[in-house]
Amino acid sequence: MKCFYIIANPDKAGAGDTARQIYDYLTSHGAECIIGGEGAEKRGAGYHYTDASLVPNNTDCVITLGGDGTLIQAARDLAGRNIPMLGINKGTLGYLTQISDTEEIQGALDALLSNDYQLEERMMLKGYAYRDGKEISRDLSLNEVVITRSEHLTMLRFKVYVNQEYLNEYRADGLIVATPTGSTAYNLSAGGPIIVPDSKMMVLTPICSHALNARSIVMSADDWIQVEILGNEGMVHAAVFDGDTVIELRTGDYVEIHKSETKTILVKLKNISFLDNLRNKMEGI
């Protein structure tokens, strides 16, 4: 790899300084590097945080500085560009950001420069919201789509269909449809299973279900999931994509969720495995 683009989360202490250090190291070794200007104040300009039009077409790798959230936001903003991404942690070590301290950063940069790495495709989800049979919004997610309440602390009701076949009616605080990447995020907190991240499947997990027999269900990556919003008129619900984009839903609306053709490509360093990361997280509990 010779051409790099750095996305630094301005809310993470030291991210700017680390970005400059990475820039200096890469350019001193003959690589091209750009530090992007990122900020939440740019929302509403046709992207979430990062303007994809400013990322050169010859970019070999996007390096994010922040946490898992920073990488996820970059993946959504650059969806379809097929640029490999490497996340460097500036917060609590997650499952997506593999690198943390200064020594690890230099080793990771050397691996990128010498092409000593692997690329791993991660599945993404596409969700569509409908009202009166007409599409009102859509978005992508790398981790999950969550159907949840938008205001009062009340039990939610919704019907779930899979490939147009009725599955079940749920009474719960919400419903998570997660990718394997997202299985270690909200899905895990809600009691869902951990799935090896390069798998091709989805997991449906109710949040605090009001039924004793409600369990997570693992679906094929080719399944189409439809969630119909039930309840009293005037209740406000929401479809939340990766904890960021929120689509307001009303009683009678429905959301369709399925695998996206778009994928996120992550750089996987050969000496760091998902099981290593998982073991470290479990030992830290």
Protein backbone atom coordinates (compact mmCIF):
# COMPACT_ATOMS: atom_id res chain seq x y z
CA MET A 1 0.00 0.00 0.00
CA LYS A 2 1.27 3.44 -0.92
CA CYS A 3 -1.67 5.86 -0.66
CA PHE A 4 -3.44 6.50 2.65
CA TYR A 5 -6.28 8.66 3.97
CA ILE A 6 -6.59 9.32 7.70
CA ILE A 7 -9.91 9.99 9.45
CA ALA A 8 -9.39 11.23 13.01
CA ASN A 9 -12.25 11.59 15.48
CA PRO A 10 -11.86 15.13 16.90
CA ASP A 11 -13.66 14.10 20.08
CA LYS A 12 -10.95 11.56 21.01
CA ALA A 13 -8.05 12.95 23.00
CA GLY A 14 -4.78 12.77 21.11
CA ALA A 15 -6.33 11.68 17.82
CA GLY A 16 -5.03 14.74 15.99
CA ASP A 17 -1.48 14.28 17.30
CA THR A 18 -1.53 10.59 16.39
CA ALA A 19 -2.77 11.44 12.90
CA ARG A 20 0.19 13.77 12.39
CA GLN A 21 2.62 11.13 13.67
CA ILE A 22 1.19 8.56 11.27
CA TYR A 23 1.36 11.09 8.43
CA ASP A 24 5.02 11.83 9.17
CA TYR A 25 5.94 8.15 9.40
CA LEU A 26 4.18 7.15 6.17
CA THR A 27 5.47 10.06 4.10
CA SER A 28 9.00 9.53 5.41
CA HIS A 29 8.78 6.00 4.03
CA GLY A 30 7.75 7.16 0.57
CA ALA A 31 3.98 6.81 0.89
CA GLU A 32 1.30 9.38 0.04
CA CYS A 33 -0.97 10.41 2.90
CA ILE A 34 -3.83 12.85 3.49
CA ILE A 35 -5.33 13.79 6.84
CA GLY A 36 -9.04 14.35 6.31
CA GLY A 37 -11.05 17.04 8.03
CA GLU A 38 -13.80 15.22 9.96
CA GLY A 39 -16.47 16.66 12.20
CA ALA A 40 -20.04 15.97 13.27
CA GLU A 41 -20.94 19.57 12.39
CA LYS A 42 -20.92 18.51 8.72
CA ARG A 43 -23.95 16.26 9.13
CA GLY A 44 -26.75 16.92 6.69
CA ALA A 45 -24.44 17.59 3.75
CA GLY A 46 -25.28 14.28 2.09
CA TYR A 47 -23.03 12.21 4.33
CA HIS A 48 -22.75 11.43 8.03
CA TYR A 49 -19.25 12.56 9.04
CA THR A 50 -16.80 12.11 6.16
CA ASP A 51 -17.20 13.60 2.69
CA ALA A 52 -16.39 10.68 0.37
CA SER A 53 -15.72 13.07 -2.52
CA LEU A 54 -12.58 14.28 -0.73
CA VAL A 55 -11.08 10.78 -0.55
CA PRO A 56 -8.87 10.29 -3.64
CA ASN A 57 -9.70 7.44 -6.01
CA ASN A 58 -6.19 6.02 -5.69
CA THR A 59 -6.50 5.57 -1.90
CA ASP A 60 -5.22 2.13 -0.90
CA CYS A 61 -6.26 2.30 2.75
CA VAL A 62 -8.33 4.45 5.08
CA ILE A 63 -6.96 4.65 8.62
CA THR A 64 -9.45 5.68 11.28
CA LEU A 65 -8.42 7.09 14.67
CA GLY A 66 -11.04 6.85 17.40
CA GLY A 67 -12.97 3.76 18.30
CA ASP A 68 -15.24 1.21 16.69
CA GLY A 69 -17.81 3.98 16.16
CA THR A 70 -15.38 6.05 14.13
CA LEU A 71 -14.62 3.11 11.85
CA ILE A 72 -18.31 2.28 11.47
CA GLN A 73 -19.13 5.87 10.51
CA ALA A 74 -16.34 5.86 7.94
CA ALA A 75 -17.55 2.54 6.53
CA ARG A 76 -21.04 3.96 6.03
CA ASP A 77 -19.86 7.24 4.50
CA LEU A 78 -17.48 5.46 2.12
CA ALA A 79 -19.84 2.59 1.33
CA GLY A 80 -19.35 1.33 -2.19
CA ARG A 81 -15.80 2.67 -2.55
CA ASN A 82 -14.29 -0.73 -1.58
CA ILE A 83 -11.35 0.91 0.17
CA PRO A 84 -9.74 -1.29 2.86
CA MET A 85 -9.94 0.20 6.36
CA LEU A 86 -7.80 -0.13 9.45
CA GLY A 87 -9.06 1.15 12.79
CA ILE A 88 -6.65 2.49 15.40
CA ASN A 89 -8.11 2.78 18.86
CA LYS A 90 -8.08 6.02 20.85
CA GLY A 91 -10.67 4.92 23.39
CA THR A 92 -11.77 1.59 24.84
CA LEU A 93 -10.44 -1.29 22.74
CA GLY A 94 -13.24 -2.72 20.65
CA TYR A 95 -13.65 -5.56 18.19
CA LEU A 96 -13.02 -3.53 15.03
CA THR A 97 -10.12 -1.31 16.07
CA GLN A 98 -7.22 -3.73 16.35
CA ILE A 99 -4.38 -1.35 17.16
CA SER A 100 -3.97 0.72 20.32
CA ASP A 101 -0.58 1.91 21.54
CA THR A 102 2.28 3.67 19.77
CA GLU A 103 4.43 0.55 19.33
CA GLU A 104 1.53 -1.34 17.76
CA ILE A 105 0.89 1.57 15.39
CA GLN A 106 4.40 1.53 13.95
CA GLY A 107 4.26 -2.24 13.47
CA ALA A 108 0.88 -1.93 11.75
CA LEU A 109 2.14 0.80 9.42
CA ASP A 110 5.18 -1.30 8.51
CA ALA A 111 2.84 -4.20 7.70
CA LEU A 112 0.73 -1.98 5.44
CA LEU A 113 3.78 -0.60 3.63
CA SER A 114 5.21 -4.09 3.06
CA ASN A 115 1.82 -5.61 2.11
CA ASP A 116 1.97 -7.98 5.08
CA TYR A 117 -1.74 -8.18 5.83
CA GLN A 118 -5.01 -9.82 4.82
CA LEU A 119 -8.29 -8.29 3.67
CA GLU A 120 -11.56 -9.36 5.24
CA GLU A 121 -15.00 -8.63 3.80
CA ARG A 122 -17.72 -7.70 6.27
CA MET A 123 -21.40 -7.96 5.45
CA MET A 124 -23.58 -4.85 5.66
CA LEU A 125 -27.35 -4.45 5.98
CA LYS A 126 -29.70 -2.29 3.99
CA GLY A 127 -32.93 -1.13 5.59
CA TYR A 128 -36.02 0.47 4.03
CA ALA A 129 -38.85 2.15 5.95
CA TYR A 130 -42.35 2.22 4.43
CA ARG A 131 -45.51 4.16 5.25
CA ASP A 132 -48.79 3.49 3.45
CA GLY A 133 -46.86 1.27 1.04
CA LYS A 134 -44.43 4.02 0.03
CA GLU A 135 -40.76 4.15 0.92
CA ILE A 136 -40.00 7.04 3.28
CA SER A 137 -36.31 6.41 3.98
CA ARG A 138 -33.42 3.98 3.66
CA ASP A 139 -29.90 3.54 5.00
CA LEU A 140 -26.97 1.16 5.44
CA SER A 141 -25.53 -0.37 8.59
CA LEU A 142 -22.40 -2.34 9.37
CA ASN A 143 -23.44 -3.42 12.88
CA GLU A 144 -27.21 -3.46 13.20
CA VAL A 145 -30.63 -2.00 12.62
CA VAL A 146 -32.60 -1.53 15.86
CA ILE A 147 -36.35 -1.05 16.08
CA THR A 148 -36.98 0.78 19.32
CA ARG A 149 -39.13 3.35 21.11
CA SER A 150 -38.62 7.00 20.37
CA GLU A 151 -40.05 8.47 23.54
CA HIS A 152 -42.03 7.00 26.46
CA LEU A 153 -40.84 3.92 28.33
CA THR A 154 -43.57 1.63 27.02
CA MET A 155 -43.65 -1.92 25.75
CA LEU A 156 -43.48 -2.21 21.96
CA ARG A 157 -45.40 -4.61 19.75
CA PHE A 158 -44.38 -5.66 16.29
CA LYS A 159 -44.88 -8.51 13.87
CA VAL A 160 -41.92 -10.09 12.13
CA TYR A 161 -42.00 -11.77 8.73
CA VAL A 162 -39.14 -13.61 7.06
CA ASN A 163 -39.28 -13.91 3.28
CA GLN A 164 -42.96 -12.81 3.51
CA GLU A 165 -43.75 -15.69 5.87
CA TYR A 166 -45.08 -14.77 9.31
CA LEU A 167 -42.61 -15.60 12.08
CA ASN A 168 -43.88 -14.15 15.35
CA GLU A 169 -45.40 -11.22 17.18
CA TYR A 170 -43.06 -9.71 19.75
CA ARG A 171 -43.72 -7.68 22.86
CA ALA A 172 -40.42 -6.19 23.91
CA ASP A 173 -38.41 -3.02 24.40
CA GLY A 174 -37.14 -3.35 20.86
CA LEU A 175 -35.70 -5.64 18.22
CA ILE A 176 -32.16 -5.93 16.87
CA VAL A 177 -31.24 -7.23 13.41
CA ALA A 178 -27.45 -7.57 13.48
CA THR A 179 -24.67 -8.61 11.15
CA PRO A 180 -21.90 -10.92 12.36
CA THR A 181 -19.79 -7.78 12.88
CA GLY A 182 -22.58 -6.32 15.02
CA SER A 183 -23.08 -9.52 16.99
CA THR A 184 -20.53 -8.30 19.56
CA ALA A 185 -22.22 -4.91 19.96
CA TYR A 186 -25.81 -4.22 21.09
CA ASN A 187 -26.81 -7.77 20.15
CA LEU A 188 -24.36 -9.20 22.68
CA SER A 189 -25.56 -6.82 25.40
CA ALA A 190 -29.13 -7.97 24.72
CA GLY A 191 -28.16 -11.62 25.20
CA GLY A 192 -27.62 -12.53 21.56
CA PRO A 193 -24.93 -14.90 20.29
CA ILE A 194 -21.41 -14.02 19.18
CA ILE A 195 -20.88 -14.83 15.50
CA VAL A 196 -17.50 -15.05 13.78
CA PRO A 197 -17.39 -11.72 11.92
CA ASP A 198 -16.62 -12.93 8.40
CA SER A 199 -19.68 -15.23 8.44
CA LYS A 200 -22.60 -14.56 6.12
CA MET A 201 -25.72 -14.49 8.26
CA MET A 202 -27.97 -12.23 10.34
CA VAL A 203 -29.20 -12.55 13.91
CA LEU A 204 -32.57 -11.32 15.17
CA THR A 205 -32.60 -10.55 18.90
CA PRO A 206 -35.52 -9.13 20.92
CA ILE A 207 -34.57 -6.57 23.57
CA CYS A 208 -35.95 -7.32 27.06
CA SER A 209 -38.76 -9.47 25.69
CA HIS A 210 -41.96 -9.77 27.70
CA ALA A 211 -42.21 -13.47 26.76
CA LEU A 212 -40.19 -16.22 28.41
CA ASN A 213 -39.72 -18.13 25.14
CA ALA A 214 -38.29 -15.26 23.07
CA ARG A 215 -34.78 -16.10 21.90
CA SER A 216 -32.35 -14.90 19.29
CA ILE A 217 -32.77 -16.45 15.85
CA VAL A 218 -29.91 -16.77 13.37
CA MET A 219 -30.99 -16.16 9.78
CA SER A 220 -29.43 -16.79 6.40
CA ALA A 221 -27.72 -13.82 4.79
CA ASP A 222 -30.18 -14.17 1.91
CA ASP A 223 -33.30 -13.80 4.05
CA TRP A 224 -35.52 -10.71 3.94
CA ILE A 225 -36.81 -9.56 7.32
CA GLN A 226 -39.88 -7.35 7.61
CA VAL A 227 -40.90 -5.72 10.89
CA GLU A 228 -44.41 -4.28 11.12
CA ILE A 229 -45.04 -1.69 13.84
CA LEU A 230 -48.09 -2.36 16.01
CA GLY A 231 -49.51 -0.46 18.98
CA ASN A 232 -51.66 2.55 19.69
CA GLU A 233 -52.05 5.40 17.23
CA GLY A 234 -49.78 8.28 18.07
CA MET A 235 -46.98 6.15 19.49
CA VAL A 236 -43.61 7.07 18.01
CA HIS A 237 -41.04 4.39 17.22
CA ALA A 238 -37.70 4.53 15.45
CA ALA A 239 -35.41 2.48 13.24
CA VAL A 240 -31.84 3.23 14.29
CA PHE A 241 -28.92 2.38 12.00
CA ASP A 242 -25.62 1.72 13.80
CA GLY A 243 -26.71 3.90 16.70
CA ASP A 244 -26.58 6.94 14.44
CA THR A 245 -29.23 7.49 11.76
CA VAL A 246 -32.76 7.54 13.20
CA ILE A 247 -35.87 7.04 11.07
CA GLU A 248 -39.12 7.92 12.84
CA LEU A 249 -41.82 5.25 12.57
CA ARG A 250 -45.53 5.27 13.32
CA THR A 251 -48.07 2.55 13.96
CA GLY A 252 -48.68 0.69 10.69
CA ASP A 253 -45.25 1.46 9.23
CA TYR A 254 -42.91 -1.38 8.42
CA VAL A 255 -39.20 -1.84 7.88
CA GLU A 256 -37.57 -4.27 5.45
CA ILE A 257 -34.02 -5.38 6.21
CA HIS A 258 -31.74 -7.53 4.09
CA LYS A 259 -28.12 -8.05 3.13
CA SER A 260 -26.63 -5.18 1.16
CA GLU A 261 -24.62 -5.69 -1.99
CA THR A 262 -22.17 -3.21 -0.47
CA LYS A 263 -19.48 -4.63 1.79
CA THR A 264 -16.95 -3.18 4.18
CA ILE A 265 -13.36 -4.30 3.66
CA LEU A 266 -11.19 -4.40 6.78
CA VAL A 267 -7.44 -4.82 6.97
CA LYS A 268 -6.62 -7.83 9.10
CA LEU A 269 -3.10 -7.99 10.49
CA LYS A 270 -1.83 -11.55 10.48
CA ASN A 271 -0.76 -11.55 14.12
CA ILE A 272 -4.14 -10.40 15.48
CA SER A 273 -7.17 -12.69 15.24
CA PHE A 274 -10.79 -12.23 16.21
CA LEU A 275 -10.35 -14.94 18.83
CA ASP A 276 -7.37 -13.07 20.32
CA ASN A 277 -9.49 -9.95 20.58
CA LEU A 278 -12.46 -11.87 21.97
CA ARG A 279 -10.31 -13.61 24.58
CA ASN A 280 -8.80 -10.30 25.69
CA LYS A 281 -12.25 -8.77 26.05
CA MET A 282 -13.55 -11.74 28.03
CA GLU A 283 -10.53 -11.73 30.34
CA GLY A 284 -11.16 -8.05 31.04
CA ILE A 285 -14.72 -8.64 32.28
